Structure formats: C-alpha cells, structure tokens
Amino acid sequence: MALPRFIKFSNKPRCHLLSSKMSAWFESPLGQAVQQVEFDIANHILPTRFGYHLLYCGQGDPDKLLEKSPISHKLVAADAPLSQSWLPFVFGETGSLPLANESVDLVVLQHSLDFEENPHQVLREAARVLIPGGTLIVIGFNPVSLWWGWRLLHHQTKEAPWAARFISPSRLSEWLSLLELEVEGCETGYYLPPWHGLAKVGRFHRFKRVAKRFFTKRGAVYVMVSKKTVSCVTPIRPKWRIGRRRFLNNPVANREQI
C-alpha cells in the first residue's frame, strides 16, 4: 500500500541532536571563550543598528549577544523555548518563519547556517522578513582558520562543533548577493587552537594580539553584516508613445493642424 503524497520525512531529529550538543558545548570553557568573542564583536555592531523589531535565530545566549542593541522589541524564533533566554519566544523553524514579509529591522543568525539542513532556505526566510534597508548579521565557524585542521581530523564525528558545515565567508557573500543583500563587512575572532586548557587559563595574550593584527581573516568564528538593498526603479514611458496617444486622441476636425 502506497503512502499518501502529503507525508514527507525530514532530517529534523539530526538538527535537534546537533543543537542540543551545541548548547552543551557552549557551556564548556572553550565554548564560553568563543561565545565571549562573538559578544565583543556584536557589541561594536549592534549599537549602530536601529529599528523597531529584532529577530534572533540560532544557538547561544541571545540575551547577552543582543544586550547592546537599542531595539527594544526582540524575538527569538525556534521550535522550542530556549532555557537560557528570557526574551519573547515565537514558535517557528528558521527555514519557515511565522512572520510577515518585510516586518523585521534586524535579523541575527548565530550558527544557524552551521547546523540547519537547508542553509539556503534559512537565508531566503531571513531576507523575506527583512525590511528594505534592514540588517542581517550572520555568525558562523570559519573554515579558513586553525580549527579547519581539527575538523578534518574529526570529519566523521557527530559532536559539536566539528559536525558543523563551516561555510566560508566568501561563499556566504555570494549567497547573500543573490538575495539582494549587500555585505557591509566581516570580522573574525578567536585565533587560538581549539584546546580547552588554553581557553580556561586565558594564556597567550601576546599571541592573540599578534594574530589579530596579521591574521585578520583567520579567526575561528566570523561575524558578517549585510544590508538588504531593493532597487526602486520607476519605468519612464518613451516620449514617442505619449505623442502617438495624443495624436490618436485628437479630433478629426484638427488633423490639418498636426
């Protein structure tokens, strides 16, 4: 007996498993150190972004990440409430947001593209709900970093964060351009190897200063900021068509004056 066509199987359980593992990893010393770097970068960006509505999707601590944002109305979209957040919750997946078109001023995707089954759909939804001139902030793991070597050694694992996609900033900028999103800037952070011991004791401060100066694009995570640009071109009717309409509308008695 054949199954009905409207039944569709998905891989959402895998996404849920990775999300729970990522949340647990953020509680580790290494995860907290990486997340602190993301907080520091966001604190330089969010105070300059104004509006009425802010939407957060992803993994991490949205309360601390969005603390410096002047936007008062903040929402978290997920398929389950976040235990570490006190922000208002909206039930909905990142690939199918329950929001109207062009209704949000700022969208923040913190590692959403790293663990979603269809990152293109996530970006399309983010671009759909953004108002013209709205801002999209994407936080992800950087493949052009020291962490890429560790990911190659753990390519068959299902543990976070090595099961993430590690989408490169250059590829992400190409995806954004197809959605009429113009990249304004990209900053990377955390230049140490993925060792919990280094993150816990906070060593190698001099190495971090040197790496930030000479390896500005080699950080473990990146924060990319883009702006939604919509062309508003009003077509101008050719003059010869306007003259032809006037000619056809003239009365027969005035033809000799044309």
Protein backbone atom coordinates (compact mmCIF):
# COMPACT_ATOMS: atom_id res chain seq x y z
CA MET A 1 0.00 0.00 0.00
CA ALA A 2 1.49 3.31 -1.08
CA LEU A 3 1.83 6.17 1.37
CA PRO A 4 -0.08 9.42 0.75
CA ARG A 5 1.89 12.04 -1.10
CA PHE A 6 1.46 14.69 1.54
CA ILE A 7 3.55 12.71 4.03
CA LYS A 8 7.13 13.97 3.99
CA PHE A 9 10.03 12.65 6.02
CA SER A 10 12.73 15.05 7.16
CA ASN A 11 16.04 15.01 8.98
CA LYS A 12 14.95 17.34 11.76
CA PRO A 13 15.89 14.90 14.57
CA ARG A 14 19.52 15.21 13.48
CA CYS A 15 19.26 19.02 13.68
CA HIS A 16 17.74 18.78 17.15
CA LEU A 17 20.55 16.48 18.27
CA LEU A 18 23.24 18.81 16.97
CA SER A 19 21.52 21.80 18.52
CA SER A 20 21.44 20.18 21.95
CA LYS A 21 25.10 19.20 21.63
CA MET A 22 26.00 22.73 20.56
CA SER A 23 24.19 24.18 23.57
CA ALA A 24 26.15 21.85 25.83
CA TRP A 25 29.42 22.78 24.08
CA PHE A 26 28.77 26.48 24.73
CA GLU A 27 28.80 25.66 28.45
CA SER A 28 32.39 24.34 28.22
CA PRO A 29 35.39 26.65 28.79
CA LEU A 30 36.19 26.65 25.07
CA GLY A 31 32.61 27.37 24.10
CA GLN A 32 32.35 30.21 26.58
CA ALA A 33 35.60 31.74 25.29
CA VAL A 34 34.37 31.59 21.69
CA GLN A 35 30.99 33.00 22.62
CA GLN A 36 32.65 35.85 24.52
CA VAL A 37 34.50 36.80 21.33
CA GLU A 38 31.18 36.86 19.49
CA PHE A 39 29.74 39.09 22.23
CA ASP A 40 32.64 41.53 21.88
CA ILE A 41 32.24 41.81 18.11
CA ALA A 42 28.46 42.19 18.37
CA ASN A 43 28.87 44.98 20.94
CA HIS A 44 30.60 47.06 18.27
CA ILE A 45 27.93 46.44 15.64
CA LEU A 46 24.54 46.36 17.37
CA PRO A 47 24.61 49.86 18.95
CA THR A 48 24.64 51.38 15.44
CA ARG A 49 21.61 49.39 14.19
CA PHE A 50 18.24 50.96 14.94
CA GLY A 51 14.65 49.93 14.30
CA TYR A 52 11.52 48.54 15.91
CA HIS A 53 11.82 44.75 15.68
CA LEU A 54 14.77 42.34 16.09
CA LEU A 55 14.65 38.62 15.36
CA TYR A 56 17.17 36.10 16.72
CA CYS A 57 17.66 32.54 15.44
CA GLY A 58 20.39 30.12 16.35
CA GLN A 59 22.48 28.68 19.16
CA GLY A 60 23.97 30.50 22.11
CA ASP A 61 22.90 33.11 24.63
CA PRO A 62 20.75 35.70 22.82
CA ASP A 63 20.25 37.81 25.97
CA LYS A 64 23.97 38.59 26.25
CA LEU A 65 24.54 38.75 22.50
CA LEU A 66 21.80 41.35 21.97
CA GLU A 67 22.41 43.25 25.19
CA LYS A 68 23.83 46.35 23.47
CA SER A 69 21.11 46.60 20.82
CA PRO A 70 18.95 49.75 21.08
CA ILE A 71 15.98 47.87 19.57
CA SER A 72 13.52 47.26 22.38
CA HIS A 73 11.30 44.61 20.76
CA LYS A 74 13.39 41.43 20.47
CA LEU A 75 12.07 37.99 19.48
CA VAL A 76 13.56 34.50 19.46
CA ALA A 77 12.31 32.11 16.77
CA ALA A 78 12.84 28.41 17.46
CA ASP A 79 10.97 25.12 17.57
CA ALA A 80 11.26 25.08 21.38
CA PRO A 81 11.80 27.76 24.05
CA LEU A 82 15.42 28.47 24.94
CA SER A 83 16.12 27.66 28.57
CA GLN A 84 18.85 30.30 28.85
CA SER A 85 16.83 33.18 27.39
CA TRP A 86 14.16 35.45 28.84
CA LEU A 87 13.28 37.05 25.51
CA PRO A 88 9.81 36.56 23.97
CA PHE A 89 9.55 33.29 22.11
CA VAL A 90 7.94 32.69 18.70
CA PHE A 91 7.29 29.12 17.66
CA GLY A 92 8.75 28.55 14.21
CA GLU A 93 11.69 27.00 12.44
CA THR A 94 14.38 29.14 10.86
CA GLY A 95 13.51 27.75 7.45
CA SER A 96 9.85 28.74 7.81
CA LEU A 97 9.45 31.84 9.94
CA PRO A 98 5.89 32.71 11.06
CA LEU A 99 6.36 36.40 10.24
CA ALA A 100 5.04 38.70 7.55
CA ASN A 101 7.13 39.92 4.64
CA GLU A 102 9.32 42.95 5.35
CA SER A 103 8.38 43.13 9.04
CA VAL A 104 11.75 42.95 10.85
CA ASP A 105 14.50 45.58 11.03
CA LEU A 106 17.34 43.31 12.17
CA VAL A 107 17.86 39.53 11.91
CA VAL A 108 20.66 37.76 13.79
CA LEU A 109 21.63 34.19 12.81
CA GLN A 110 24.05 32.77 15.36
CA HIS A 111 25.40 29.48 13.97
CA SER A 112 22.03 28.75 12.36
CA LEU A 113 23.56 28.05 8.95
CA ASP A 114 26.13 25.70 10.50
CA PHE A 115 23.58 23.15 11.65
CA GLU A 116 20.48 23.57 9.50
CA GLU A 117 19.74 21.01 6.81
CA ASN A 118 18.98 23.71 4.22
CA PRO A 119 21.01 26.88 4.88
CA HIS A 120 19.81 28.46 1.61
CA GLN A 121 16.22 28.32 2.81
CA VAL A 122 17.22 29.91 6.11
CA LEU A 123 18.81 32.83 4.26
CA ARG A 124 15.78 33.19 2.00
CA GLU A 125 13.48 33.40 5.01
CA ALA A 126 15.74 35.96 6.67
CA ALA A 127 15.77 38.08 3.52
CA ARG A 128 11.99 37.77 3.18
CA VAL A 129 11.16 39.11 6.64
CA LEU A 130 13.73 41.93 6.46
CA ILE A 131 12.50 45.39 5.58
CA PRO A 132 14.25 47.27 2.73
CA GLY A 133 17.39 48.66 4.30
CA GLY A 134 17.26 46.11 7.14
CA THR A 135 20.37 44.40 8.51
CA LEU A 136 21.28 40.72 8.59
CA ILE A 137 24.04 39.54 10.94
CA VAL A 138 25.40 36.01 10.40
CA ILE A 139 27.72 34.34 12.91
CA GLY A 140 29.43 31.12 11.84
CA PHE A 141 32.52 28.96 12.09
CA ASN A 142 35.34 29.95 9.76
CA PRO A 143 36.93 27.21 7.61
CA VAL A 144 39.90 29.48 6.90
CA SER A 145 41.30 29.05 10.41
CA LEU A 146 43.28 26.70 12.64
CA TRP A 147 40.04 24.95 13.50
CA TRP A 148 39.68 23.56 9.98
CA GLY A 149 42.53 21.12 10.59
CA TRP A 150 40.84 19.79 13.71
CA ARG A 151 37.60 19.43 11.78
CA LEU A 152 39.36 17.32 9.14
CA LEU A 153 40.60 15.02 11.89
CA HIS A 154 37.05 14.70 13.22
CA HIS A 155 35.18 14.67 9.90
CA GLN A 156 33.21 11.54 10.79
CA THR A 157 32.17 12.67 14.24
CA LYS A 158 28.70 13.93 15.18
CA GLU A 159 29.91 16.03 18.05
CA ALA A 160 29.68 19.80 18.16
CA PRO A 161 31.19 21.93 16.81
CA TRP A 162 33.00 19.60 14.40
CA ALA A 163 29.75 18.42 12.81
CA ALA A 164 29.05 21.98 11.64
CA ARG A 165 29.31 22.99 8.00
CA PHE A 166 31.99 25.69 8.35
CA ILE A 167 30.63 27.83 5.49
CA SER A 168 33.32 30.18 4.19
CA PRO A 169 32.68 33.95 4.26
CA SER A 170 33.32 34.19 0.50
CA ARG A 171 30.67 31.59 -0.29
CA LEU A 172 28.25 33.19 2.13
CA SER A 173 28.72 36.58 0.48
CA GLU A 174 27.83 35.02 -2.88
CA TRP A 175 24.62 33.57 -1.43
CA LEU A 176 23.72 36.93 0.07
CA SER A 177 24.26 38.78 -3.21
CA LEU A 178 21.70 36.51 -4.89
CA LEU A 179 19.15 37.61 -2.28
CA GLU A 180 19.84 41.34 -2.82
CA LEU A 181 21.82 41.56 0.41
CA GLU A 182 24.94 43.70 0.21
CA VAL A 183 27.81 42.73 2.51
CA GLU A 184 28.98 45.68 4.60
CA GLY A 185 31.77 43.96 6.50
CA CYS A 186 33.11 40.79 8.08
CA GLU A 187 35.21 40.35 11.21
CA THR A 188 36.75 37.19 12.65
CA GLY A 189 37.80 36.33 16.18
CA TYR A 190 39.41 33.73 18.49
CA TYR A 191 42.78 32.83 16.98
CA LEU A 192 43.84 30.11 19.46
CA PRO A 193 43.72 26.37 18.73
CA PRO A 194 40.60 24.54 19.95
CA TRP A 195 42.07 23.43 23.27
CA HIS A 196 40.01 23.72 26.42
CA GLY A 197 43.12 24.26 28.53
CA LEU A 198 44.13 27.42 26.68
CA ALA A 199 40.62 28.85 26.86
CA LYS A 200 40.30 28.11 30.56
CA VAL A 201 43.51 29.72 31.81
CA GLY A 202 43.44 32.56 29.28
CA ARG A 203 47.06 32.23 28.17
CA PHE A 204 48.92 33.58 25.14
CA HIS A 205 47.53 37.11 25.25
CA ARG A 206 50.50 38.33 23.21
CA PHE A 207 49.81 35.65 20.58
CA LYS A 208 46.21 36.80 20.32
CA ARG A 209 47.27 40.40 19.74
CA VAL A 210 49.77 39.41 17.05
CA ALA A 211 47.33 37.04 15.36
CA LYS A 212 44.59 39.66 15.28
CA ARG A 213 46.98 42.05 13.54
CA PHE A 214 48.49 39.71 10.94
CA PHE A 215 45.76 37.06 10.56
CA THR A 216 42.66 39.22 10.49
CA LYS A 217 40.69 36.67 8.44
CA ARG A 218 41.88 33.51 10.22
CA GLY A 219 39.73 33.58 13.33
CA ALA A 220 37.73 30.53 14.39
CA VAL A 221 34.43 32.40 14.06
CA TYR A 222 33.28 35.26 11.86
CA VAL A 223 30.54 37.87 12.07
CA MET A 224 29.24 39.07 8.70
CA VAL A 225 26.99 42.12 8.38
CA SER A 226 24.84 42.68 5.29
CA LYS A 227 22.11 45.12 4.31
CA LYS A 228 19.01 44.46 2.25
CA THR A 229 19.04 46.58 -0.88
CA VAL A 230 15.94 46.70 -3.07
CA SER A 231 16.03 48.51 -6.40
CA CYS A 232 13.21 51.02 -6.81
CA VAL A 233 13.37 51.88 -10.49
CA THR A 234 10.29 53.58 -11.94
CA PRO A 235 9.95 52.87 -15.67
CA ILE A 236 9.69 56.01 -17.81
CA ARG A 237 7.40 55.81 -20.79
CA PRO A 238 9.07 56.76 -24.10
CA LYS A 239 8.03 60.15 -25.46
CA TRP A 240 7.13 58.80 -28.87
CA ARG A 241 4.44 56.66 -27.31
CA ILE A 242 2.97 59.62 -25.47
CA GLY A 243 2.93 61.66 -28.69
CA ARG A 244 1.24 58.85 -30.53
CA ARG A 245 -1.52 58.68 -27.94
CA ARG A 246 -2.11 62.42 -28.24
CA PHE A 247 -2.24 62.08 -31.98
CA LEU A 248 -4.84 59.34 -31.83
CA ASN A 249 -6.93 61.27 -29.33
CA ASN A 250 -7.12 64.46 -31.43
CA PRO A 251 -10.47 65.15 -33.13
CA VAL A 252 -10.80 64.71 -36.86
CA ALA A 253 -11.51 68.42 -37.42
CA ASN A 254 -8.00 69.40 -36.21
CA ARG A 255 -5.99 66.96 -38.29
CA GLU A 256 -4.71 69.65 -40.67
CA GLN A 257 -3.03 71.41 -37.71
CA ILE A 258 -0.97 68.34 -36.76
